[in-house]
Structure formats: C-alpha cells, structure tokens
Protein backbone atom coordinates (compact mmCIF):
# COMPACT_ATOMS: atom_id res chain seq x y z
CA MET A 1 21.71 92.00 -35.27
CA THR A 2 24.93 90.50 -33.94
CA ASN A 3 26.28 87.09 -34.72
CA THR A 4 25.66 84.86 -31.70
CA ALA A 5 27.09 81.67 -33.15
CA PRO A 6 28.90 79.55 -30.60
CA SER A 7 32.63 79.94 -30.58
CA PRO A 8 34.66 76.97 -31.83
CA PRO A 9 35.77 74.58 -29.10
CA ALA A 10 39.27 75.02 -27.76
CA SER A 11 41.79 72.98 -29.70
CA ARG A 12 42.62 69.70 -28.03
CA PRO A 13 46.28 69.00 -27.26
CA CYS A 14 48.47 66.72 -29.34
CA SER A 15 47.92 63.07 -28.40
CA ARG A 16 51.65 62.39 -28.75
CA CYS A 17 53.26 65.14 -26.68
CA GLY A 18 50.19 66.64 -25.01
CA GLU A 19 51.62 70.15 -25.21
CA GLU A 20 50.91 71.82 -28.52
CA PRO A 21 47.48 72.11 -30.16
CA ARG A 22 46.42 69.55 -32.74
CA LEU A 23 46.29 70.35 -36.42
CA PRO A 24 42.76 70.45 -37.84
CA ARG A 25 41.40 66.91 -38.27
CA GLN A 26 44.68 65.39 -37.03
CA ARG A 27 45.70 63.60 -33.83
CA TRP A 28 49.10 65.29 -33.54
CA GLY A 29 50.49 68.79 -33.58
CA ARG A 30 52.77 70.11 -36.33
CA ALA A 31 56.07 69.39 -34.53
CA CYS A 32 55.14 65.79 -33.66
CA LEU A 33 53.76 65.10 -37.14
CA THR A 34 56.90 66.48 -38.79
CA ALA A 35 59.18 64.48 -36.48
CA ALA A 36 57.24 61.28 -37.19
CA GLN A 37 57.43 61.86 -40.96
CA ARG A 38 61.18 62.45 -40.75
CA ALA A 39 61.67 59.27 -38.75
CA ARG A 40 59.53 57.27 -41.21
CA ARG A 41 61.47 58.60 -44.21
CA ALA A 42 64.82 57.92 -42.53
CA ALA A 43 63.78 54.33 -41.78
CA ARG A 44 62.65 53.85 -45.38
CA ARG A 45 65.93 55.27 -46.70
CA ALA A 46 67.91 52.98 -44.38
CA ALA A 47 66.02 49.95 -45.70
CA HIS A 48 66.48 50.95 -49.37
CA PRO A 49 69.57 53.17 -49.62
CA HIS A 50 69.42 54.07 -53.34
CA PRO A 51 65.88 53.71 -54.70
CA GLY A 52 66.65 55.38 -58.05
CA GLU A 53 69.56 53.15 -58.96
CA PRO A 54 68.98 49.75 -60.56
CA PRO A 55 70.46 46.76 -58.78
CA ALA A 56 74.04 46.07 -59.72
CA LYS A 57 74.44 43.42 -62.39
CA PRO A 58 77.37 41.06 -62.26
CA SER A 59 80.00 42.01 -64.78
CA ALA A 60 80.57 39.88 -67.86
CA LEU A 61 84.09 39.07 -66.67
CA THR A 62 83.10 37.55 -63.34
CA PRO A 63 80.74 34.58 -63.55
CA PRO A 64 77.83 34.55 -61.12
CA SER A 65 78.27 32.47 -58.02
CA PRO A 66 76.79 28.98 -58.02
CA THR A 67 74.66 29.91 -55.03
CA ALA A 68 73.11 32.82 -56.95
CA GLU A 69 72.21 30.47 -59.79
CA ALA A 70 70.82 27.91 -57.36
CA GLU A 71 68.76 30.54 -55.54
CA ALA A 72 67.38 31.93 -58.80
CA LEU A 73 66.50 28.45 -60.01
CA ASP A 74 64.87 27.63 -56.67
CA ARG A 75 62.86 30.87 -56.80
CA TYR A 76 61.69 29.97 -60.32
CA ARG A 77 60.69 26.45 -59.34
CA ARG A 78 58.78 27.64 -56.26
CA ALA A 79 56.93 30.31 -58.27
CA ARG A 80 56.11 27.78 -60.99
CA ALA A 81 54.89 25.22 -58.44
CA GLU A 82 52.67 27.81 -56.72
CA LEU A 83 51.18 28.86 -60.06
CA ASP A 84 50.49 25.25 -61.01
CA LEU A 85 48.97 24.47 -57.61
CA VAL A 86 46.64 27.48 -57.62
CA THR A 87 45.63 26.79 -61.21
CA ARG A 88 44.78 23.17 -60.41
CA GLU A 89 43.26 23.49 -56.96
CA THR A 90 41.10 26.62 -57.22
CA ASP A 91 37.40 26.22 -57.95
CA TRP A 92 36.93 29.39 -59.98
CA ARG A 93 33.13 29.03 -60.03
CA ARG A 94 33.02 29.44 -56.25
CA SER A 95 35.88 31.89 -55.91
CA ARG A 96 35.02 35.50 -55.20
CA TYR A 97 38.04 36.53 -57.27
CA THR A 98 38.45 36.24 -61.00
CA PRO A 99 41.26 34.07 -62.34
CA ALA A 100 43.05 37.17 -63.63
CA GLN A 101 43.13 38.73 -60.16
CA VAL A 102 44.74 35.64 -58.67
CA LEU A 103 46.88 34.36 -61.51
CA ARG A 104 48.35 37.65 -62.79
CA PRO A 105 50.70 38.16 -59.79
CA LEU A 106 51.72 34.50 -59.92
CA VAL A 107 52.45 34.65 -63.65
CA ASP A 108 54.44 37.87 -63.08
CA ALA A 109 56.47 36.14 -60.34
CA VAL A 110 57.26 33.22 -62.68
CA THR A 111 58.23 35.63 -65.47
CA GLN A 112 60.52 37.63 -63.18
CA ALA A 113 62.15 34.51 -61.79
CA GLU A 114 62.68 33.15 -65.29
CA ALA A 115 64.25 36.46 -66.37
CA ALA A 116 66.57 36.32 -63.35
CA CYS A 117 67.63 32.80 -64.33
CA ARG A 118 68.30 33.88 -67.89
CA GLY A 119 70.29 36.87 -66.60
CA LEU A 120 72.49 34.46 -64.63
CA ALA A 121 72.87 32.18 -67.66
CA VAL A 122 71.13 29.22 -66.02
CA PRO A 123 70.83 26.46 -68.64
CA MET A 124 67.36 26.32 -70.20
CA ASP A 125 67.02 22.58 -69.56
CA ALA A 126 67.23 23.33 -65.82
CA LEU A 127 64.08 25.49 -66.15
CA LYS A 128 62.04 22.67 -67.66
CA ASP A 129 59.74 20.72 -65.36
CA ARG A 130 61.07 17.46 -64.07
C-alpha cells in the first residue's frame, strides 16, 4: 500500500518582498526577517548607546547644576503628588486592581526620585511637603 497523503501546499511568498518563500509559521522569509531584526537592534542601540554602563555620576569636585537639582526636586514632588492623589481618590473596593498593583510602581517612582535628590545633595527640608 502506498502513501496517498496529500502533498503539503506550496509555500506562500514573503509578505514583505514577495520573492522568497516564507519561513514556517512566519509572515516573512529569512532574508527579510533578518534585515528587520538588524534594523530593530540598530535603532535600539542608537537610542541607548551603552546599555551595560551605569549613567555617569557628577564628580565630587564639580557641584551639580542648579537645574539638575530643580528637575530632580520637581520629579520627586510630582511622583509624591501622584502617589498621594491615587491613594486618596481610588475606591479600592470597586477597583479591579489590588492596591499593591497600583501603588507599588508609584512608591518605586517616589523612592527613585528621592534617591536622585539625595545623590544631588538636595537639602532634606526641600523634600518635605509644603
């Protein structure tokens, strides 16, 4: 008895270039997929040139600029205000999210902004609510 199973359908062409056959369960062929991945990686590298290196800290000899301190303090105050607003205004009994799901990122943002202020030697009384 011979195998009379139907032969697999002819491979459809790449939806990007229309010339080469598609990879299994993919829309594009190998060349187009590889080119797209290279372009995506190059764009990501251009946006973040050195992902492994930590951001440069200002040296101890040069004081941070007043605008950097003001921006850090503004970032802290905005994060703190958003946390306070969400804490006050959210009806947690009707929310589909738990308080931890909502408040954790906000608390993290406040903590990071406060650490940035401390790193720039912003006076602690400036961080207190007015």
